[in-house]
Amino acid sequence: MYDFACEHCDGTVRTRVVEREALRHKGNFVILEDVPIGVCDKCGSRYFDASVLRRVAEIGRGNVPSQRTIEIPVDRYAHA
């Protein structure tokens, strides 16, 4: 799926299955688990196959139900 030159450096993008990856969809987040992504072995840039992005969009639009929903705390950073 991956194994190409990184667009940011001279590294190589390799497939890595990550435990959790949060991706944005229309101002919200969708978290995919055990997802194969491309990660540059030199600079760490992340790449996503179209099939991964389609899945995020399907879940984000509500076309496909998610397995579960989690609550995430949000706060604004205030300078001390």
Protein backbone atom coordinates (compact mmCIF):
# COMPACT_ATOMS: atom_id res chain seq x y z
CA MET A 1 0.00 0.00 0.00
CA TYR A 2 2.80 2.38 0.91
CA ASP A 3 6.57 2.19 0.24
CA PHE A 4 7.28 5.40 -1.64
CA ALA A 5 9.47 8.47 -1.19
CA CYS A 6 8.34 11.01 1.39
CA GLU A 7 7.32 14.36 -0.07
CA HIS A 8 8.92 16.22 2.86
CA CYS A 9 12.36 14.61 3.06
CA ASP A 10 14.40 11.85 1.47
CA GLY A 11 12.91 9.15 3.72
CA THR A 12 10.71 6.23 2.71
CA VAL A 13 7.05 5.92 3.68
CA ARG A 14 6.41 2.49 5.18
CA THR A 15 3.21 0.79 6.28
CA ARG A 16 2.58 0.82 10.01
CA VAL A 17 -0.55 -0.44 11.75
CA VAL A 18 -1.35 2.01 14.54
CA GLU A 19 -3.49 1.29 17.56
CA ARG A 20 -5.48 4.54 17.25
CA GLU A 21 -5.49 7.36 14.73
CA ALA A 22 -7.72 10.42 15.12
CA LEU A 23 -8.70 12.06 11.85
CA ARG A 24 -10.74 15.21 11.34
CA HIS A 25 -14.00 15.21 9.42
CA LYS A 26 -15.94 18.48 9.05
CA GLY A 27 -14.85 19.93 12.37
CA ASN A 28 -15.21 16.66 14.32
CA PHE A 29 -12.92 13.73 14.91
CA VAL A 30 -13.26 10.09 13.96
CA ILE A 31 -10.90 7.63 15.62
CA LEU A 32 -9.98 4.48 13.74
CA GLU A 33 -8.33 1.60 15.57
CA ASP A 34 -5.82 -0.90 14.18
CA VAL A 35 -5.53 1.11 10.97
CA PRO A 36 -2.73 0.79 8.41
CA ILE A 37 -1.15 4.17 7.67
CA GLY A 38 2.03 5.27 5.96
CA VAL A 39 4.75 6.76 8.17
CA CYS A 40 8.02 8.22 6.89
CA ASP A 41 10.94 6.36 8.41
CA LYS A 42 12.96 9.58 8.60
CA CYS A 43 10.71 12.55 9.46
CA GLY A 44 7.59 10.75 10.73
CA SER A 45 5.14 12.35 8.28
CA ARG A 46 1.88 10.43 8.12
CA TYR A 47 0.07 9.38 4.96
CA PHE A 48 -3.43 7.95 4.56
CA ASP A 49 -4.74 5.70 1.81
CA ALA A 50 -7.99 6.78 0.12
CA SER A 51 -9.78 3.76 1.63
CA VAL A 52 -8.94 5.01 5.14
CA LEU A 53 -10.18 8.52 4.35
CA ARG A 54 -13.38 7.12 2.80
CA ARG A 55 -14.05 5.14 5.98
CA VAL A 56 -13.58 8.28 8.10
CA ALA A 57 -16.02 10.19 5.85
CA GLU A 58 -18.61 7.39 6.00
CA ILE A 59 -18.50 7.31 9.79
CA GLY A 60 -18.38 11.12 10.03
CA ARG A 61 -21.49 11.48 7.84
CA GLY A 62 -23.33 8.80 9.81
CA ASN A 63 -23.58 6.49 6.78
CA VAL A 64 -21.82 3.72 8.72
CA PRO A 65 -22.35 3.26 12.44
CA SER A 66 -19.32 3.42 14.69
CA GLN A 67 -18.59 0.61 17.15
CA ARG A 68 -18.64 3.00 20.07
CA THR A 69 -18.40 6.66 21.05
CA ILE A 70 -16.03 8.10 23.62
CA GLU A 71 -16.18 11.37 25.48
CA ILE A 72 -13.11 13.61 25.24
CA PRO A 73 -12.51 16.49 27.66
CA VAL A 74 -11.84 19.85 26.03
CA ASP A 75 -10.52 23.02 27.63
CA ARG A 76 -8.95 26.28 26.51
CA TYR A 77 -5.32 26.87 27.39
CA ALA A 78 -4.96 29.97 29.53
CA HIS A 79 -1.55 31.60 30.04
CA ALA A 80 -0.57 31.76 33.69
